[in-house]
Amino acid sequence: MIKVLFFAQLRDQLGVSELSLESEKNPNVEVLLNNLKAKDESWHRLLSKATLMIAVNQTISNKATTLSSGDEVALFPPVTGG
């Protein structure tokens, strides 16, 4: 299983803070995102943003990052500070 965490506006707009997904169906981050985008139009719109940030096991990653069972994928909008 892969745990997917949603933060900030993504969590609020999708109405979910985490999901557990089968790892075999999600060999890398890009496939995982495509599977999530297929849920409906709002998921597709929110997860297609070029500014979407991705972390795998608490390390900033990209869509080509390979996933394994037990991994944690965090999805969040860009972070700004003041």
PDB file of N, CA and C in Angstrom:
ATOM      1  N   MET A   1       0.828  -1.187   0.000  1.00  0.00           N
ATOM      2  CA  MET A   1       0.000   0.000   0.000  1.00  0.00           C
ATOM      3  C   MET A   1       0.873   1.251   0.000  1.00  0.00           C
ATOM      4  N   ILE A   2       0.373   2.277  -0.650  1.00  0.00           N
ATOM      5  CA  ILE A   2       1.003   3.594  -0.660  1.00  0.00           C
ATOM      6  C   ILE A   2       0.046   4.550   0.034  1.00  0.00           C
ATOM      7  N   LYS A   3       0.571   5.310   0.972  1.00  0.00           N
ATOM      8  CA  LYS A   3      -0.247   6.303   1.655  1.00  0.00           C
ATOM      9  C   LYS A   3      -0.067   7.632   0.939  1.00  0.00           C
ATOM     10  N   VAL A   4      -1.187   8.258   0.553  1.00  0.00           N
ATOM     11  CA  VAL A   4      -1.159   9.552  -0.108  1.00  0.00           C
ATOM     12  C   VAL A   4      -1.759  10.576   0.849  1.00  0.00           C
ATOM     13  N   LEU A   5      -0.998  11.627   1.140  1.00  0.00           N
ATOM     14  CA  LEU A   5      -1.441  12.688   2.040  1.00  0.00           C
ATOM     15  C   LEU A   5      -1.706  13.953   1.242  1.00  0.00           C
ATOM     16  N   PHE A   6      -2.780  14.647   1.591  1.00  0.00           N
ATOM     17  CA  PHE A   6      -3.154  15.894   0.930  1.00  0.00           C
ATOM     18  C   PHE A   6      -3.092  17.016   1.958  1.00  0.00           C
ATOM     19  N   PHE A   7      -2.466  18.132   1.586  1.00  0.00           N
ATOM     20  CA  PHE A   7      -2.277  19.231   2.518  1.00  0.00           C
ATOM     21  C   PHE A   7      -2.901  20.526   2.015  1.00  0.00           C
ATOM     22  N   ALA A   8      -3.175  21.412   2.950  1.00  0.00           N
ATOM     23  CA  ALA A   8      -3.619  22.783   2.702  1.00  0.00           C
ATOM     24  C   ALA A   8      -4.859  22.813   1.812  1.00  0.00           C
ATOM     25  N   GLN A   9      -4.816  23.621   0.753  1.00  0.00           N
ATOM     26  CA  GLN A   9      -5.980  23.799  -0.112  1.00  0.00           C
ATOM     27  C   GLN A   9      -6.404  22.503  -0.785  1.00  0.00           C
ATOM     28  N   LEU A  10      -5.465  21.639  -1.120  1.00  0.00           N
ATOM     29  CA  LEU A  10      -5.833  20.359  -1.726  1.00  0.00           C
ATOM     30  C   LEU A  10      -6.727  19.566  -0.792  1.00  0.00           C
ATOM     31  N   ARG A  11      -6.339  19.485   0.463  1.00  0.00           N
ATOM     32  CA  ARG A  11      -7.138  18.758   1.450  1.00  0.00           C
ATOM     33  C   ARG A  11      -8.531  19.365   1.553  1.00  0.00           C
ATOM     34  N   ASP A  12      -8.589  20.677   1.631  1.00  0.00           N
ATOM     35  CA  ASP A  12      -9.869  21.360   1.779  1.00  0.00           C
ATOM     36  C   ASP A  12     -10.752  21.196   0.546  1.00  0.00           C
ATOM     37  N   GLN A  13     -10.181  21.366  -0.631  1.00  0.00           N
ATOM     38  CA  GLN A  13     -10.970  21.326  -1.857  1.00  0.00           C
ATOM     39  C   GLN A  13     -11.360  19.915  -2.283  1.00  0.00           C
ATOM     40  N   LEU A  14     -10.526  18.924  -1.964  1.00  0.00           N
ATOM     41  CA  LEU A  14     -10.859  17.541  -2.303  1.00  0.00           C
ATOM     42  C   LEU A  14     -11.670  16.865  -1.200  1.00  0.00           C
ATOM     43  N   GLY A  15     -11.626  17.429  -0.008  1.00  0.00           N
ATOM     44  CA  GLY A  15     -12.393  16.864   1.101  1.00  0.00           C
ATOM     45  C   GLY A  15     -11.809  15.577   1.661  1.00  0.00           C
ATOM     46  N   VAL A  16     -10.500  15.400   1.496  1.00  0.00           N
ATOM     47  CA  VAL A  16      -9.847  14.192   2.008  1.00  0.00           C
ATOM     48  C   VAL A  16      -8.440  14.563   2.470  1.00  0.00           C
ATOM     49  N   SER A  17      -8.007  13.969   3.566  1.00  0.00           N
ATOM     50  CA  SER A  17      -6.666  14.262   4.056  1.00  0.00           C
ATOM     51  C   SER A  17      -5.669  13.152   3.709  1.00  0.00           C
ATOM     52  N   GLU A  18      -6.171  11.928   3.519  1.00  0.00           N
ATOM     53  CA  GLU A  18      -5.268  10.836   3.112  1.00  0.00           C
ATOM     54  C   GLU A  18      -6.035   9.694   2.480  1.00  0.00           C
ATOM     55  N   LEU A  19      -5.329   8.947   1.652  1.00  0.00           N
ATOM     56  CA  LEU A  19      -5.846   7.747   1.002  1.00  0.00           C
ATOM     57  C   LEU A  19      -4.776   6.665   1.060  1.00  0.00           C
ATOM     58  N   SER A  20      -5.191   5.413   1.015  1.00  0.00           N
ATOM     59  CA  SER A  20      -4.271   4.290   0.873  1.00  0.00           C
ATOM     60  C   SER A  20      -4.582   3.622  -0.459  1.00  0.00           C
ATOM     61  N   LEU A  21      -3.540   3.445  -1.276  1.00  0.00           N
ATOM     62  CA  LEU A  21      -3.719   2.887  -2.613  1.00  0.00           C
ATOM     63  C   LEU A  21      -2.805   1.690  -2.814  1.00  0.00           C
ATOM     64  N   GLU A  22      -3.212   0.792  -3.687  1.00  0.00           N
ATOM     65  CA  GLU A  22      -2.404  -0.376  -4.023  1.00  0.00           C
ATOM     66  C   GLU A  22      -1.123   0.069  -4.714  1.00  0.00           C
ATOM     67  N   SER A  23       0.003  -0.420  -4.273  1.00  0.00           N
ATOM     68  CA  SER A  23       1.279  -0.008  -4.853  1.00  0.00           C
ATOM     69  C   SER A  23       1.481  -0.574  -6.260  1.00  0.00           C
ATOM     70  N   GLU A  24       0.965  -1.767  -6.546  1.00  0.00           N
ATOM     71  CA  GLU A  24       1.177  -2.388  -7.857  1.00  0.00           C
ATOM     72  C   GLU A  24       0.566  -1.561  -8.972  1.00  0.00           C
ATOM     73  N   LYS A  25      -0.498  -0.831  -8.696  1.00  0.00           N
ATOM     74  CA  LYS A  25      -1.178  -0.035  -9.716  1.00  0.00           C
ATOM     75  C   LYS A  25      -0.533   1.339  -9.881  1.00  0.00           C
ATOM     76  N   ASN A  26       0.447   1.654  -9.059  1.00  0.00           N
ATOM     77  CA  ASN A  26       1.054   2.971  -9.043  1.00  0.00           C
ATOM     78  C   ASN A  26       2.576   2.854  -8.990  1.00  0.00           C
ATOM     79  N   PRO A  27       3.214   2.488 -10.118  1.00  0.00           N
ATOM     80  CA  PRO A  27       4.657   2.261 -10.101  1.00  0.00           C
ATOM     81  C   PRO A  27       5.498   3.523  -9.936  1.00  0.00           C
ATOM     82  N   ASN A  28       4.922   4.687 -10.270  1.00  0.00           N
ATOM     83  CA  ASN A  28       5.636   5.947 -10.055  1.00  0.00           C
ATOM     84  C   ASN A  28       4.631   7.046  -9.755  1.00  0.00           C
ATOM     85  N   VAL A  29       5.122   8.218  -9.422  1.00  0.00           N
ATOM     86  CA  VAL A  29       4.240   9.321  -9.017  1.00  0.00           C
ATOM     87  C   VAL A  29       3.321   9.738 -10.160  1.00  0.00           C
ATOM     88  N   GLU A  30       3.819   9.754 -11.384  1.00  0.00           N
ATOM     89  CA  GLU A  30       2.988  10.169 -12.512  1.00  0.00           C
ATOM     90  C   GLU A  30       1.779   9.258 -12.690  1.00  0.00           C
ATOM     91  N   VAL A  31       1.975   7.962 -12.603  1.00  0.00           N
ATOM     92  CA  VAL A  31       0.861   7.011 -12.728  1.00  0.00           C
ATOM     93  C   VAL A  31      -0.114   7.200 -11.563  1.00  0.00           C
ATOM     94  N   LEU A  32       0.400   7.383 -10.366  1.00  0.00           N
ATOM     95  CA  LEU A  32      -0.453   7.620  -9.200  1.00  0.00           C
ATOM     96  C   LEU A  32      -1.310   8.864  -9.428  1.00  0.00           C
ATOM     97  N   LEU A  33      -0.693   9.956  -9.882  1.00  0.00           N
ATOM     98  CA  LEU A  33      -1.454  11.183 -10.137  1.00  0.00           C
ATOM     99  C   LEU A  33      -2.506  10.974 -11.217  1.00  0.00           C
ATOM    100  N   ASN A  34      -2.161  10.265 -12.277  1.00  0.00           N
ATOM    101  CA  ASN A  34      -3.139   9.995 -13.340  1.00  0.00           C
ATOM    102  C   ASN A  34      -4.315   9.177 -12.820  1.00  0.00           C
ATOM    103  N   ASN A  35      -4.045   8.208 -11.957  1.00  0.00           N
ATOM    104  CA  ASN A  35      -5.125   7.417 -11.365  1.00  0.00           C
ATOM    105  C   ASN A  35      -6.018   8.276 -10.482  1.00  0.00           C
ATOM    106  N   LEU A  36      -5.428   9.189  -9.728  1.00  0.00           N
ATOM    107  CA  LEU A  36      -6.217  10.082  -8.880  1.00  0.00           C
ATOM    108  C   LEU A  36      -7.012  11.080  -9.713  1.00  0.00           C
ATOM    109  N   LYS A  37      -6.417  11.597 -10.782  1.00  0.00           N
ATOM    110  CA  LYS A  37      -7.102  12.563 -11.652  1.00  0.00           C
ATOM    111  C   LYS A  37      -8.324  11.944 -12.313  1.00  0.00           C
ATOM    112  N   ALA A  38      -8.327  10.636 -12.502  1.00  0.00           N
ATOM    113  CA  ALA A  38      -9.444   9.946 -13.146  1.00  0.00           C
ATOM    114  C   ALA A  38     -10.690   9.884 -12.265  1.00  0.00           C
ATOM    115  N   LYS A  39     -10.554  10.226 -10.988  1.00  0.00           N
ATOM    116  CA  LYS A  39     -11.700  10.176 -10.073  1.00  0.00           C
ATOM    117  C   LYS A  39     -12.833  11.065 -10.550  1.00  0.00           C
ATOM    118  N   ASP A  40     -12.556  12.322 -10.845  1.00  0.00           N
ATOM    119  CA  ASP A  40     -13.539  13.238 -11.413  1.00  0.00           C
ATOM    120  C   ASP A  40     -12.865  14.541 -11.816  1.00  0.00           C
ATOM    121  N   GLU A  41     -13.641  15.467 -12.362  1.00  0.00           N
ATOM    122  CA  GLU A  41     -13.091  16.702 -12.918  1.00  0.00           C
ATOM    123  C   GLU A  41     -12.377  17.560 -11.881  1.00  0.00           C
ATOM    124  N   SER A  42     -12.905  17.644 -10.660  1.00  0.00           N
ATOM    125  CA  SER A  42     -12.248  18.477  -9.647  1.00  0.00           C
ATOM    126  C   SER A  42     -10.885  17.896  -9.269  1.00  0.00           C
ATOM    127  N   TRP A  43     -10.778  16.589  -9.158  1.00  0.00           N
ATOM    128  CA  TRP A  43      -9.484  15.949  -8.873  1.00  0.00           C
ATOM    129  C   TRP A  43      -8.528  16.231 -10.026  1.00  0.00           C
ATOM    130  N   HIS A  44      -9.018  16.100 -11.250  1.00  0.00           N
ATOM    131  CA  HIS A  44      -8.167  16.341 -12.411  1.00  0.00           C
ATOM    132  C   HIS A  44      -7.655  17.774 -12.422  1.00  0.00           C
ATOM    133  N   ARG A  45      -8.541  18.728 -12.201  1.00  0.00           N
ATOM    134  CA  ARG A  45      -8.168  20.137 -12.223  1.00  0.00           C
ATOM    135  C   ARG A  45      -7.137  20.459 -11.146  1.00  0.00           C
ATOM    136  N   LEU A  46      -7.370  20.008  -9.929  1.00  0.00           N
ATOM    137  CA  LEU A  46      -6.486  20.338  -8.812  1.00  0.00           C
ATOM    138  C   LEU A  46      -5.120  19.642  -8.893  1.00  0.00           C
ATOM    139  N   LEU A  47      -5.101  18.413  -9.379  1.00  0.00           N
ATOM    140  CA  LEU A  47      -3.850  17.658  -9.427  1.00  0.00           C
ATOM    141  C   LEU A  47      -3.070  17.877 -10.722  1.00  0.00           C
ATOM    142  N   SER A  48      -3.614  18.663 -11.638  1.00  0.00           N
ATOM    143  CA  SER A  48      -2.928  18.971 -12.893  1.00  0.00           C
ATOM    144  C   SER A  48      -2.158  20.283 -12.836  1.00  0.00           C
ATOM    145  N   LYS A  49      -2.272  21.004 -11.757  1.00  0.00           N
ATOM    146  CA  LYS A  49      -1.596  22.293 -11.654  1.00  0.00           C
ATOM    147  C   LYS A  49      -0.078  22.115 -11.698  1.00  0.00           C
ATOM    148  N   ALA A  50       0.569  22.960 -12.482  1.00  0.00           N
ATOM    149  CA  ALA A  50       2.028  22.894 -12.628  1.00  0.00           C
ATOM    150  C   ALA A  50       2.739  23.208 -11.318  1.00  0.00           C
ATOM    151  N   THR A  51       2.073  23.893 -10.408  1.00  0.00           N
ATOM    152  CA  THR A  51       2.692  24.286  -9.140  1.00  0.00           C
ATOM    153  C   THR A  51       2.565  23.216  -8.051  1.00  0.00           C
ATOM    154  N   LEU A  52       1.906  22.102  -8.352  1.00  0.00           N
ATOM    155  CA  LEU A  52       1.736  21.033  -7.374  1.00  0.00           C
ATOM    156  C   LEU A  52       3.090  20.544  -6.887  1.00  0.00           C
ATOM    157  N   MET A  53       3.255  20.478  -5.593  1.00  0.00           N
ATOM    158  CA  MET A  53       4.509  19.973  -5.030  1.00  0.00           C
ATOM    159  C   MET A  53       4.299  18.538  -4.552  1.00  0.00           C
ATOM    160  N   ILE A  54       5.356  17.740  -4.675  1.00  0.00           N
ATOM    161  CA  ILE A  54       5.295  16.315  -4.360  1.00  0.00           C
ATOM    162  C   ILE A  54       6.464  15.962  -3.449  1.00  0.00           C
ATOM    163  N   ALA A  55       6.165  15.210  -2.411  1.00  0.00           N
ATOM    164  CA  ALA A  55       7.228  14.658  -1.567  1.00  0.00           C
ATOM    165  C   ALA A  55       6.967  13.161  -1.413  1.00  0.00           C
ATOM    166  N   VAL A  56       8.005  12.369  -1.558  1.00  0.00           N
ATOM    167  CA  VAL A  56       7.914  10.923  -1.325  1.00  0.00           C
ATOM    168  C   VAL A  56       8.809  10.617  -0.140  1.00  0.00           C
ATOM    169  N   ASN A  57       8.194  10.056   0.880  1.00  0.00           N
ATOM    170  CA  ASN A  57       8.912   9.742   2.116  1.00  0.00           C
ATOM    171  C   ASN A  57       9.656  10.971   2.656  1.00  0.00           C
ATOM    172  N   GLN A  58       8.946  12.102   2.622  1.00  0.00           N
ATOM    173  CA  GLN A  58       9.398  13.376   3.178  1.00  0.00           C
ATOM    174  C   GLN A  58      10.596  13.982   2.443  1.00  0.00           C
ATOM    175  N   THR A  59      10.774  13.604   1.180  1.00  0.00           N
ATOM    176  CA  THR A  59      11.813  14.175   0.334  1.00  0.00           C
ATOM    177  C   THR A  59      11.144  14.731  -0.920  1.00  0.00           C
ATOM    178  N   ILE A  60      11.397  16.005  -1.235  1.00  0.00           N
ATOM    179  CA  ILE A  60      10.819  16.603  -2.436  1.00  0.00           C
ATOM    180  C   ILE A  60      11.180  15.721  -3.630  1.00  0.00           C
ATOM    181  N   SER A  61      10.166  15.422  -4.439  1.00  0.00           N
ATOM    182  CA  SER A  61      10.325  14.470  -5.540  1.00  0.00           C
ATOM    183  C   SER A  61       9.674  15.013  -6.798  1.00  0.00           C
ATOM    184  N   ASN A  62       9.704  14.195  -7.842  1.00  0.00           N
ATOM    185  CA  ASN A  62       9.044  14.575  -9.092  1.00  0.00           C
ATOM    186  C   ASN A  62       8.185  13.412  -9.577  1.00  0.00           C
ATOM    187  N   LYS A  63       7.539  13.619 -10.723  1.00  0.00           N
ATOM    188  CA  LYS A  63       6.599  12.620 -11.234  1.00  0.00           C
ATOM    189  C   LYS A  63       7.264  11.312 -11.643  1.00  0.00           C
ATOM    190  N   ALA A  64       8.551  11.324 -11.922  1.00  0.00           N
ATOM    191  CA  ALA A  64       9.248  10.110 -12.341  1.00  0.00           C
ATOM    192  C   ALA A  64       9.690   9.237 -11.166  1.00  0.00           C
ATOM    193  N   THR A  65       9.508   9.722  -9.948  1.00  0.00           N
ATOM    194  CA  THR A  65       9.946   8.972  -8.771  1.00  0.00           C
ATOM    195  C   THR A  65       9.212   7.640  -8.677  1.00  0.00           C
ATOM    196  N   THR A  66       9.970   6.569  -8.564  1.00  0.00           N
ATOM    197  CA  THR A  66       9.412   5.222  -8.436  1.00  0.00           C
ATOM    198  C   THR A  66       8.825   5.034  -7.048  1.00  0.00           C
ATOM    199  N   LEU A  67       7.690   4.347  -6.991  1.00  0.00           N
ATOM    200  CA  LEU A  67       7.019   4.089  -5.717  1.00  0.00           C
ATOM    201  C   LEU A  67       7.066   2.612  -5.367  1.00  0.00           C
ATOM    202  N   SER A  68       7.111   2.345  -4.068  1.00  0.00           N
ATOM    203  CA  SER A  68       7.113   0.976  -3.552  1.00  0.00           C
ATOM    204  C   SER A  68       6.097   0.883  -2.426  1.00  0.00           C
ATOM    205  N   SER A  69       5.711  -0.332  -2.124  1.00  0.00           N
ATOM    206  CA  SER A  69       4.791  -0.553  -1.018  1.00  0.00           C
ATOM    207  C   SER A  69       5.380   0.040   0.259  1.00  0.00           C
ATOM    208  N   GLY A  70       4.553   0.743   1.007  1.00  0.00           N
ATOM    209  CA  GLY A  70       4.993   1.365   2.244  1.00  0.00           C
ATOM    210  C   GLY A  70       5.398   2.818   2.091  1.00  0.00           C
ATOM    211  N   ASP A  71       5.495   3.305   0.846  1.00  0.00           N
ATOM    212  CA  ASP A  71       5.866   4.701   0.628  1.00  0.00           C
ATOM    213  C   ASP A  71       4.744   5.644   1.052  1.00  0.00           C
ATOM    214  N   GLU A  72       5.144   6.863   1.367  1.00  0.00           N
ATOM    215  CA  GLU A  72       4.212   7.932   1.701  1.00  0.00           C
ATOM    216  C   GLU A  72       4.415   9.050   0.694  1.00  0.00           C
ATOM    217  N   VAL A  73       3.350   9.425   0.004  1.00  0.00           N
ATOM    218  CA  VAL A  73       3.398  10.500  -0.982  1.00  0.00           C
ATOM    219  C   VAL A  73       2.581  11.662  -0.436  1.00  0.00           C
ATOM    220  N   ALA A  74       3.200  12.820  -0.349  1.00  0.00           N
ATOM    221  CA  ALA A  74       2.509  14.023   0.109  1.00  0.00           C
ATOM    222  C   ALA A  74       2.332  14.960  -1.073  1.00  0.00           C
ATOM    223  N   LEU A  75       1.117  15.483  -1.227  1.00  0.00           N
ATOM    224  CA  LEU A  75       0.796  16.421  -2.298  1.00  0.00           C
ATOM    225  C   LEU A  75       0.352  17.721  -1.665  1.00  0.00           C
ATOM    226  N   PHE A  76       0.950  18.829  -2.113  1.00  0.00           N
ATOM    227  CA  PHE A  76       0.597  20.111  -1.522  1.00  0.00           C
ATOM    228  C   PHE A  76       0.899  21.259  -2.483  1.00  0.00           C
ATOM    229  N   PRO A  77       0.194  22.374  -2.277  1.00  0.00           N
ATOM    230  CA  PRO A  77       0.475  23.554  -3.094  1.00  0.00           C
ATOM    231  C   PRO A  77       1.795  24.165  -2.685  1.00  0.00           C
ATOM    232  N   PRO A  78       2.347  25.064  -3.483  1.00  0.00           N
ATOM    233  CA  PRO A  78       3.610  25.705  -3.109  1.00  0.00           C
ATOM    234  C   PRO A  78       3.482  26.399  -1.753  1.00  0.00           C
ATOM    235  N   VAL A  79       4.551  26.377  -1.016  1.00  0.00           N
ATOM    236  CA  VAL A  79       4.569  26.982   0.317  1.00  0.00           C
ATOM    237  C   VAL A  79       5.195  28.367   0.210  1.00  0.00           C
ATOM    238  N   THR A  80       4.528  29.325   0.821  1.00  0.00           N
ATOM    239  CA  THR A  80       5.095  30.664   0.877  1.00  0.00           C
ATOM    240  C   THR A  80       5.215  31.085   2.337  1.00  0.00           C
ATOM    241  N   GLY A  81       6.112  31.945   2.574  1.00  0.00           N
ATOM    242  CA  GLY A  81       6.301  32.407   3.951  1.00  0.00           C
ATOM    243  C   GLY A  81       6.292  33.922   4.003  1.00  0.00           C
ATOM    244  N   GLY A  82       6.291  34.416   5.210  1.00  0.00           N
ATOM    245  CA  GLY A  82       6.255  35.863   5.319  1.00  0.00           C
ATOM    246  C   GLY A  82       7.091  36.327   6.464  1.00  0.00           C
TER     247      GLY A  82
END
